[in-house]
Protein backbone atom coordinates (compact mmCIF):
# COMPACT_ATOMS: atom_id res chain seq x y z
CA MET A 1 38.54 5.41 -23.00
CA LYS A 2 36.04 6.97 -25.42
CA PHE A 3 34.77 3.51 -26.32
CA VAL A 4 34.23 2.65 -22.63
CA THR A 5 32.37 5.92 -22.08
CA ILE A 6 30.07 5.27 -25.02
CA VAL A 7 29.30 1.75 -23.78
CA LEU A 8 28.47 3.06 -20.28
CA ILE A 9 26.13 5.68 -21.71
CA CYS A 10 24.34 3.04 -23.78
CA LEU A 11 23.94 0.77 -20.75
CA LEU A 12 22.51 3.61 -18.69
CA ASN A 13 20.00 4.40 -21.43
CA LEU A 14 18.89 0.77 -21.51
CA SER A 15 18.12 0.80 -17.77
CA GLY A 16 14.97 2.84 -18.32
CA LYS A 17 13.39 5.09 -20.91
CA SER A 18 14.04 8.69 -19.89
CA GLN A 19 11.03 10.96 -20.14
CA ASP A 20 12.81 14.23 -19.23
CA GLY A 21 11.75 15.84 -22.50
CA GLY A 22 8.08 15.32 -21.69
CA ILE A 23 5.35 13.03 -22.98
CA LEU A 24 1.76 13.92 -23.76
CA PHE A 25 -0.87 11.18 -23.63
CA ILE A 26 -4.08 11.99 -25.50
CA ASN A 27 -7.48 10.36 -26.10
CA GLY A 28 -7.42 8.32 -22.92
CA ILE A 29 -9.98 7.51 -20.24
CA ILE A 30 -8.16 8.97 -17.26
CA HIS A 31 -9.17 7.88 -13.75
CA CYS A 32 -7.49 10.48 -11.56
CA GLY A 33 -7.92 8.52 -8.34
CA ASN A 34 -9.61 11.45 -6.60
CA GLY A 35 -13.09 10.77 -7.98
CA THR A 36 -12.58 12.61 -11.27
CA VAL A 37 -12.73 10.80 -14.63
CA TYR A 38 -11.91 12.35 -18.01
CA ASN A 39 -13.39 10.30 -20.84
CA ASN A 40 -11.41 12.28 -23.40
CA GLY A 41 -8.48 12.97 -21.17
CA VAL A 42 -4.98 14.27 -21.72
CA LEU A 43 -2.04 13.62 -19.42
CA GLY A 44 1.32 15.33 -19.67
CA ILE A 45 4.48 14.40 -17.78
CA LYS A 46 7.77 16.26 -17.53
CA ALA A 47 10.85 15.61 -15.40
CA GLY A 48 9.15 12.75 -13.62
CA LYS A 49 6.10 14.73 -12.53
CA ILE A 50 2.60 15.29 -13.85
CA ASP A 51 2.53 18.50 -15.82
CA LEU A 52 -1.03 18.35 -17.15
CA VAL A 53 -4.19 16.34 -16.55
CA ALA A 54 -7.45 17.60 -17.99
CA ASP A 55 -10.39 17.07 -20.31
CA GLY A 56 -8.92 17.15 -23.80
CA SER A 57 -12.12 18.53 -25.32
CA VAL A 58 -11.99 21.79 -23.34
CA VAL A 59 -8.33 22.47 -22.57
CA LYS A 60 -5.91 24.16 -24.95
CA ILE A 61 -2.65 22.21 -25.21
CA ASN A 62 0.74 23.41 -26.43
CA ARG A 63 1.80 20.16 -28.08
CA SER A 64 5.15 21.58 -29.12
CA SER A 65 6.26 21.62 -25.47
CA TYR A 66 6.30 17.81 -25.42
CA VAL A 67 8.90 15.67 -27.12
CA GLN A 68 6.55 12.71 -27.62
CA ILE A 69 2.79 12.43 -28.11
CA ILE A 70 1.07 9.08 -27.54
CA ASP A 71 -2.49 8.38 -28.66
CA LEU A 72 -4.08 6.06 -26.09
CA GLN A 73 -7.06 5.26 -28.31
CA ASN A 74 -9.55 5.11 -25.41
CA GLN A 75 -7.36 3.00 -23.17
CA HIS A 76 -7.67 3.53 -19.41
CA VAL A 77 -5.11 5.36 -17.27
CA TYR A 78 -4.94 4.77 -13.51
CA PRO A 79 -2.69 5.96 -10.69
CA GLY A 80 -0.46 3.15 -9.46
CA PHE A 81 -2.10 0.90 -6.88
CA ILE A 82 -0.69 1.05 -3.34
CA ALA A 83 -0.42 -2.13 -1.26
CA MET A 84 -0.48 -1.46 2.48
CA ASN A 85 0.59 -3.91 5.20
CA SER A 86 2.58 -5.98 2.71
CA SER A 87 5.45 -8.46 2.98
CA ILE A 88 6.55 -7.90 -0.64
CA GLY A 89 10.31 -7.52 -0.74
CA LEU A 90 10.65 -9.17 2.67
CA LYS A 91 9.34 -12.61 1.76
CA GLU A 92 10.09 -14.77 -1.25
CA ILE A 93 9.48 -18.52 -0.76
CA ASP A 94 7.55 -19.47 2.36
CA ALA A 95 9.18 -22.91 2.56
CA VAL A 96 12.75 -21.54 2.30
CA ARG A 97 13.80 -19.78 5.52
CA ALA A 98 16.78 -18.04 3.88
CA THR A 99 14.38 -16.03 1.68
CA LEU A 100 12.31 -14.74 4.61
CA ASP A 101 13.29 -11.49 6.33
CA TYR A 102 10.05 -10.12 7.72
CA ALA A 103 10.49 -10.75 11.48
CA GLU A 104 13.05 -10.51 14.26
CA THR A 105 13.35 -12.41 17.52
CA GLY A 106 11.91 -10.74 20.60
CA ASP A 107 8.54 -9.25 21.37
CA ILE A 108 8.99 -5.47 21.49
CA ASN A 109 11.17 -4.22 18.64
CA PRO A 110 10.15 -0.70 17.56
CA HIS A 111 13.75 -0.08 16.47
CA VAL A 112 13.66 -2.88 13.87
CA ARG A 113 13.39 -1.41 10.35
CA SER A 114 12.09 -3.13 7.23
CA MET A 115 13.97 -0.66 5.04
CA PRO A 116 17.38 -2.37 4.67
CA ALA A 117 15.73 -5.80 4.31
CA PHE A 118 13.75 -4.85 1.19
CA ASN A 119 14.86 -7.01 -1.74
CA THR A 120 14.41 -5.31 -5.10
CA ASP A 121 15.53 -8.50 -6.89
CA SER A 122 12.49 -10.43 -5.66
CA LYS A 123 10.82 -12.40 -8.45
CA ILE A 124 7.46 -11.57 -6.92
CA ILE A 125 7.84 -7.84 -7.62
CA PRO A 126 7.62 -8.05 -11.46
CA THR A 127 4.51 -10.23 -11.25
CA VAL A 128 2.79 -7.77 -8.92
CA ARG A 129 3.56 -4.58 -10.82
CA SER A 130 2.33 -6.25 -14.03
CA ASN A 131 -1.16 -5.73 -12.60
CA GLY A 132 -0.68 -2.09 -11.66
CA VAL A 133 0.63 -2.32 -8.08
CA LEU A 134 3.50 0.18 -8.16
CA THR A 135 3.97 1.06 -4.47
CA VAL A 136 4.10 -1.09 -1.31
CA GLN A 137 4.37 -0.59 2.41
CA ALA A 138 6.92 -3.23 3.44
CA THR A 139 5.79 -4.20 6.93
CA PRO A 140 7.57 -6.30 9.57
CA GLN A 141 5.53 -8.99 11.31
CA ARG A 142 5.34 -11.02 14.53
CA GLY A 143 5.70 -9.89 18.11
CA THR A 144 3.79 -7.21 19.98
CA ILE A 145 5.74 -4.40 18.31
CA PRO A 146 7.42 -5.94 15.23
CA GLY A 147 9.06 -2.69 14.11
CA ALA A 148 8.83 0.15 11.60
CA SER A 149 7.57 -0.15 8.03
CA SER A 150 8.85 1.78 5.03
CA ILE A 151 7.29 2.63 1.66
CA PHE A 152 8.87 1.57 -1.62
CA TYR A 153 8.32 1.92 -5.33
CA LEU A 154 8.44 -1.42 -7.12
CA ASP A 155 11.37 -0.35 -9.26
CA GLY A 156 15.03 0.23 -8.49
CA TRP A 157 18.45 -1.39 -8.39
CA ASN A 158 18.44 -1.56 -4.58
CA TRP A 159 16.35 -0.48 -1.63
CA GLU A 160 17.90 3.01 -1.66
CA ASP A 161 16.68 3.52 -5.24
CA ALA A 162 13.22 2.16 -4.51
CA LEU A 163 12.65 3.98 -1.21
CA LEU A 164 9.78 6.47 -1.19
CA LYS A 165 9.48 7.07 2.56
CA ALA A 166 11.60 5.64 5.36
CA ASP A 167 10.11 4.52 8.69
CA ASP A 168 6.61 5.86 8.05
CA GLY A 169 5.24 4.29 11.23
CA ILE A 170 5.40 1.76 14.05
CA HIS A 171 3.23 -1.37 14.06
CA LEU A 172 1.50 -2.67 17.18
CA ASN A 173 -0.17 -6.08 17.29
CA TRP A 174 -2.77 -5.43 19.97
CA PRO A 175 -3.40 -8.43 22.27
CA GLU A 176 -6.91 -9.65 21.55
CA TYR A 177 -9.52 -11.11 23.85
CA PRO A 178 -10.74 -14.69 23.17
CA GLN A 179 -13.52 -14.55 20.59
CA ARG A 180 -15.64 -17.31 22.09
CA LYS A 181 -14.75 -17.39 25.81
CA PRO A 182 -16.49 -19.56 28.41
CA GLU A 183 -18.03 -17.63 31.27
CA ASN A 184 -15.52 -18.98 33.78
CA ASP A 185 -12.39 -18.65 31.65
CA THR A 186 -10.52 -15.95 33.56
CA VAL A 187 -6.99 -17.14 32.74
CA LYS A 188 -6.94 -15.88 29.15
CA LEU A 189 -8.69 -12.67 30.16
CA SER A 190 -6.18 -11.93 32.89
CA LYS A 191 -3.29 -12.60 30.49
CA THR A 192 -4.82 -10.21 27.95
CA HIS A 193 -5.33 -7.52 30.59
CA GLN A 194 -1.75 -7.96 31.81
CA LYS A 195 -0.36 -7.67 28.28
CA GLN A 196 -2.37 -4.51 27.62
CA ARG A 197 -1.10 -2.96 30.86
CA GLU A 198 2.47 -3.76 29.82
CA ILE A 199 1.93 -2.06 26.46
CA LEU A 200 0.48 1.05 28.12
CA ALA A 201 3.41 1.20 30.55
CA PHE A 202 5.91 0.89 27.67
CA PHE A 203 4.23 3.70 25.71
CA GLU A 204 4.08 5.98 28.75
CA GLU A 205 7.76 5.35 29.45
CA ALA A 206 8.59 6.03 25.80
CA LYS A 207 6.63 9.28 25.93
CA ALA A 208 8.48 10.41 29.06
CA TYR A 209 11.75 9.61 27.31
CA SER A 210 10.76 11.55 24.18
CA ASN A 211 9.91 14.65 26.23
CA ASN A 212 13.62 15.04 26.94
CA PRO A 213 15.45 15.64 23.64
CA ASN A 214 18.89 15.45 25.26
CA GLN A 215 19.08 12.06 26.86
CA PRO A 216 22.52 11.28 28.37
CA GLU A 217 22.16 7.63 27.25
CA LYS A 218 20.36 6.62 24.09
CA ASN A 219 17.70 3.92 24.27
CA LEU A 220 17.23 2.52 20.76
CA ARG A 221 13.67 1.33 21.40
CA PHE A 222 12.55 4.66 22.83
CA GLU A 223 14.39 6.63 20.14
CA ALA A 224 12.39 4.76 17.51
CA MET A 225 9.17 5.72 19.33
CA ARG A 226 9.84 9.49 19.34
CA GLY A 227 8.04 10.08 16.07
CA LEU A 228 4.75 8.77 17.47
CA PHE A 229 4.60 11.57 20.01
CA ASN A 230 5.76 14.46 17.81
CA GLY A 231 3.49 13.46 14.90
CA SER A 232 6.19 12.46 12.42
CA LYS A 233 5.25 8.76 12.56
CA ILE A 234 2.00 6.82 12.36
CA LEU A 235 0.91 4.12 14.79
CA TYR A 236 -0.63 1.15 12.98
CA LEU A 237 -2.92 -0.70 15.36
CA HIS A 238 -3.42 -4.30 14.25
CA CYS A 239 -6.68 -5.42 15.85
CA ASN A 240 -10.00 -6.87 14.72
CA GLN A 241 -12.59 -7.25 17.47
CA MET A 242 -14.73 -4.34 18.61
CA ARG A 243 -13.49 -4.47 22.21
CA ASP A 244 -9.86 -4.57 21.11
CA ILE A 245 -10.33 -1.63 18.73
CA VAL A 246 -11.85 0.46 21.52
CA ASP A 247 -9.08 -0.47 23.98
CA ALA A 248 -6.34 0.27 21.45
CA VAL A 249 -7.79 3.68 20.54
CA GLN A 250 -8.21 4.61 24.20
CA MET A 251 -4.57 3.70 24.85
CA THR A 252 -3.43 6.09 22.12
CA GLN A 253 -5.64 8.83 23.56
CA LYS A 254 -4.02 8.39 26.98
CA THR A 255 -0.52 8.61 25.53
CA GLY A 256 -1.24 11.51 23.18
CA ILE A 257 -0.66 9.76 19.85
CA SER A 258 -2.55 11.63 17.13
CA LYS A 259 -1.75 9.71 13.92
CA ARG A 260 -3.38 6.28 14.03
CA VAL A 261 -4.53 3.66 11.54
CA ILE A 262 -6.52 0.51 12.29
CA VAL A 263 -5.20 -2.53 10.38
CA GLY A 264 -7.62 -5.44 10.20
CA GLY A 265 -10.75 -4.01 11.80
CA VAL A 266 -13.16 -6.76 10.80
CA GLU A 267 -15.54 -5.55 13.56
CA SER A 268 -14.88 -1.86 12.96
CA TYR A 269 -18.43 -1.47 11.65
CA LYS A 270 -19.56 -1.72 15.30
CA VAL A 271 -17.56 1.38 16.35
CA THR A 272 -17.87 3.61 13.30
CA GLN A 273 -18.72 6.71 15.34
CA LEU A 274 -15.54 6.34 17.40
CA LEU A 275 -13.40 5.94 14.27
CA LYS A 276 -15.15 8.77 12.46
CA ASP A 277 -14.79 11.21 15.36
CA ALA A 278 -11.10 10.34 15.79
CA GLN A 279 -10.54 10.39 12.00
CA ILE A 280 -8.93 6.96 12.07
CA PRO A 281 -8.90 5.09 8.73
CA VAL A 282 -9.29 1.33 8.54
CA VAL A 283 -7.12 -0.98 6.42
CA LEU A 284 -9.27 -4.03 5.76
CA PRO A 285 -7.77 -7.47 5.12
CA ARG A 286 -8.36 -9.31 1.85
CA LEU A 287 -12.06 -9.34 0.94
CA HIS A 288 -11.72 -12.63 -0.92
CA ARG A 289 -11.98 -14.75 2.22
CA LEU A 290 -14.50 -16.71 4.23
CA PRO A 291 -16.72 -14.87 6.74
CA ASP A 292 -15.12 -14.19 10.11
CA PHE A 293 -17.90 -15.90 12.10
CA ASN A 294 -20.13 -18.89 11.41
CA ASP A 295 -23.32 -16.86 11.70
CA GLN A 296 -22.32 -14.33 9.01
CA ALA A 297 -23.48 -14.41 5.39
CA THR A 298 -21.00 -15.81 2.89
CA ASP A 299 -20.70 -12.42 1.17
CA TRP A 300 -20.21 -10.48 4.42
CA PRO A 301 -16.54 -9.52 3.76
CA TYR A 302 -17.55 -8.16 0.34
CA ARG A 303 -20.15 -5.85 1.87
CA LEU A 304 -17.97 -4.51 4.68
CA PRO A 305 -16.23 -1.70 2.71
CA ALA A 306 -19.55 -0.17 1.65
CA LEU A 307 -20.92 -0.43 5.20
CA LEU A 308 -17.92 1.44 6.62
CA ALA A 309 -17.78 4.00 3.81
CA ASP A 310 -21.49 4.81 4.20
CA SER A 311 -20.81 5.45 7.90
CA GLY A 312 -18.16 8.03 7.10
CA VAL A 313 -15.09 5.89 7.85
CA LYS A 314 -12.19 6.08 5.41
CA VAL A 315 -11.49 2.58 4.09
CA ILE A 316 -8.32 1.19 2.53
CA LEU A 317 -8.15 -2.26 0.96
CA SER A 318 -5.17 -4.56 1.39
CA TYR A 319 -4.43 -8.15 0.44
CA ASP A 320 -3.48 -9.36 3.92
CA GLY A 321 -4.02 -13.10 4.26
CA ASP A 322 -2.60 -16.42 3.07
CA MET A 323 -0.01 -16.16 0.27
CA GLU A 324 -0.27 -12.40 0.60
CA ALA A 325 2.92 -11.39 -1.23
CA MET A 326 2.27 -13.19 -4.51
CA GLY A 327 -1.49 -12.62 -4.26
CA THR A 328 -1.14 -8.85 -4.05
CA ARG A 329 -1.24 -8.80 -7.85
CA ASN A 330 -5.04 -9.17 -7.40
CA LEU A 331 -5.38 -5.99 -5.31
CA GLY A 332 -7.25 -4.21 -8.10
CA PHE A 333 -9.76 -7.04 -8.32
CA VAL A 334 -10.42 -6.77 -4.57
CA ALA A 335 -11.41 -3.16 -5.19
CA GLY A 336 -13.61 -4.39 -8.03
CA THR A 337 -15.37 -6.73 -5.59
CA ALA A 338 -16.01 -3.78 -3.24
CA ALA A 339 -17.48 -1.87 -6.19
CA ALA A 340 -19.75 -4.79 -7.03
CA TYR A 341 -21.07 -4.80 -3.45
CA GLY A 342 -22.07 -1.19 -2.98
CA VAL A 343 -19.00 1.04 -3.19
CA GLU A 344 -19.07 3.62 -5.97
CA LYS A 345 -16.54 2.58 -8.64
CA GLU A 346 -14.21 5.56 -8.38
CA MET A 347 -14.30 5.42 -4.58
CA ALA A 348 -13.28 1.76 -4.77
CA LEU A 349 -10.28 2.92 -6.82
CA GLN A 350 -9.46 5.51 -4.16
CA MET A 351 -9.38 2.73 -1.55
CA ILE A 352 -6.20 1.39 -3.18
CA THR A 353 -4.74 4.71 -4.34
CA LEU A 354 -5.47 8.11 -2.77
CA PHE A 355 -6.93 6.88 0.54
CA ALA A 356 -3.93 4.60 1.00
CA ALA A 357 -1.56 7.46 0.21
CA GLN A 358 -3.33 9.69 2.74
CA ALA A 359 -3.12 7.01 5.44
CA LEU A 360 0.61 6.62 4.74
CA GLY A 361 1.27 10.36 4.62
CA ILE A 362 2.50 10.35 1.01
CA ASP A 363 -0.55 11.89 -0.68
CA ARG A 364 1.37 15.06 -1.58
CA VAL A 365 3.74 12.91 -3.63
CA THR A 366 1.61 10.17 -5.15
CA GLY A 367 -1.75 8.39 -4.95
CA SER A 368 -3.65 10.34 -7.61
CA LEU A 369 -3.12 11.90 -11.01
CA GLU A 370 -2.80 15.58 -10.18
CA VAL A 371 -0.49 18.32 -11.40
CA GLY A 372 2.75 18.43 -9.42
CA LYS A 373 2.61 14.84 -8.19
CA SER A 374 4.98 12.08 -9.19
CA ALA A 375 4.10 10.47 -12.52
CA ASP A 376 3.18 7.04 -11.13
CA PHE A 377 0.52 5.47 -13.32
CA PHE A 378 -0.27 2.65 -15.70
CA VAL A 379 -2.24 2.15 -18.90
CA SER A 380 -4.76 -0.69 -19.29
CA THR A 381 -6.77 -1.67 -22.34
CA GLY A 382 -9.77 -2.38 -20.09
CA ASP A 383 -11.14 -1.82 -16.61
CA ALA A 384 -8.25 -2.45 -14.18
CA LEU A 385 -10.71 -3.42 -11.42
CA ASP A 386 -12.24 -6.19 -13.54
CA MET A 387 -10.18 -9.35 -14.07
CA ARG A 388 -12.08 -10.07 -17.28
CA THR A 389 -10.92 -6.92 -19.06
CA SER A 390 -7.80 -5.72 -17.21
CA SER A 391 -4.65 -5.82 -19.31
CA VAL A 392 -1.80 -3.54 -18.26
CA LYS A 393 0.22 -2.45 -21.27
CA ASN A 394 2.50 0.30 -19.89
CA ALA A 395 3.47 1.52 -16.43
CA PHE A 396 5.46 4.53 -15.26
CA ILE A 397 7.16 5.25 -11.93
CA LYS A 398 8.46 8.78 -11.43
CA GLY A 399 7.95 9.35 -15.13
CA LYS A 400 10.11 6.41 -16.22
CA GLU A 401 8.53 3.55 -18.08
CA ILE A 402 9.20 0.29 -16.29
CA ASP A 403 9.58 -3.22 -17.63
CA LEU A 404 6.38 -5.25 -17.25
CA ASP A 405 7.94 -8.57 -18.22
CA ASN A 406 8.20 -11.32 -15.60
CA HIS A 407 9.14 -14.99 -15.38
CA GLN A 408 5.51 -16.11 -15.62
CA LYS A 409 5.04 -14.26 -18.90
CA SER A 410 8.31 -15.76 -20.13
CA LEU A 411 7.08 -19.27 -19.37
CA HIS A 412 3.75 -18.51 -21.04
CA ASN A 413 5.49 -17.33 -24.22
CA LYS A 414 7.94 -20.24 -24.12
CA TYR A 415 5.26 -22.91 -24.14
CA LEU A 416 2.99 -20.94 -26.42
CA ASN A 417 5.76 -20.94 -29.01
CA LYS A 418 6.33 -24.67 -28.50
CA TYR A 419 2.75 -25.94 -28.51
CA GLY A 420 0.87 -23.10 -30.15
CA GLN A 421 -2.34 -21.38 -29.18
CA PRO A 422 -4.72 -23.75 -27.30
CA LYS A 423 -7.91 -24.52 -29.19
């Protein structure tokens, strides 16, 4: 029995390096994710939380209170990147239906939850977190109301271990008007109007239901909608065109929904005053794409974040688009593109860290390197927003160092050992 106990303890220790005794990182370039940078920074973590973050040249540190001290030697420290509107954990191989669990049948499914479908054994997850993406919003897709998303850390034995926040919000794919409609095409317009009226009627009925906390018969769809009207859930409005954005926002004003986020918003620059006044952030799709219209400049998507930010709109960057799950590893480089096209460098970092955490309602827990928050960060030898220099060496989630190995690195090392370094 003693032998079995010892073996179990050893196995538990191998599952992750415990940092309960505290670690102090010194001589690092610390990007806090809130606009502050310490070029000679110190970062202390204890019991899974950040205990100290400061300029090492001015702060007095009690080094004896930490079990381990690590000299970063001018390496960069960043808060973990946050991927919003993601199918990571819900999608594995596009061509294999059995590995896809991101959509349900039916059109209006607010009661569908992505939470129990999240697959922590996905081979995509290790490749994504190797580039600093440590948190994702697993989002259901398809249908007018595909369901509720949940937020996960990219580490854990199962979805219960990885869960950061359950059912953070409901997603609504707003019916869009035809982009290039003929003057006499009234069929598509009437269908769009009809669909929008149906959505408004559903939301009004759900609100009436939520006003009575003691319903004699439970309606699963309306029960899932309660949080939108009491402020405990966020409504994610997936829409792109100016007219659709205005219609969607007006619908939420009629139904009294206060927490809203625009997802997509490629024409949001045309209604910046509306979004600014309503304090609605915008989650932009992947910047590395072609322009949305033929008459736009080829670099138009790259310039959009700066245009919105200069107008006072809070911008979050996502990697929504083709091959989104596996491509999310490049989220940091999307922020680097935004920085190259007018966004201040540390603000570009906030667009994939703190701003995303604020939009998701988890900014008190994570999203920046501040005392009291969860110790979710990574160490890179170079600029994590620049693909030429980024090289993630260590990553921590809730103060535990995670494994950054993946099957792609294994294949690289396998053939490197066989054929040697290419000349």
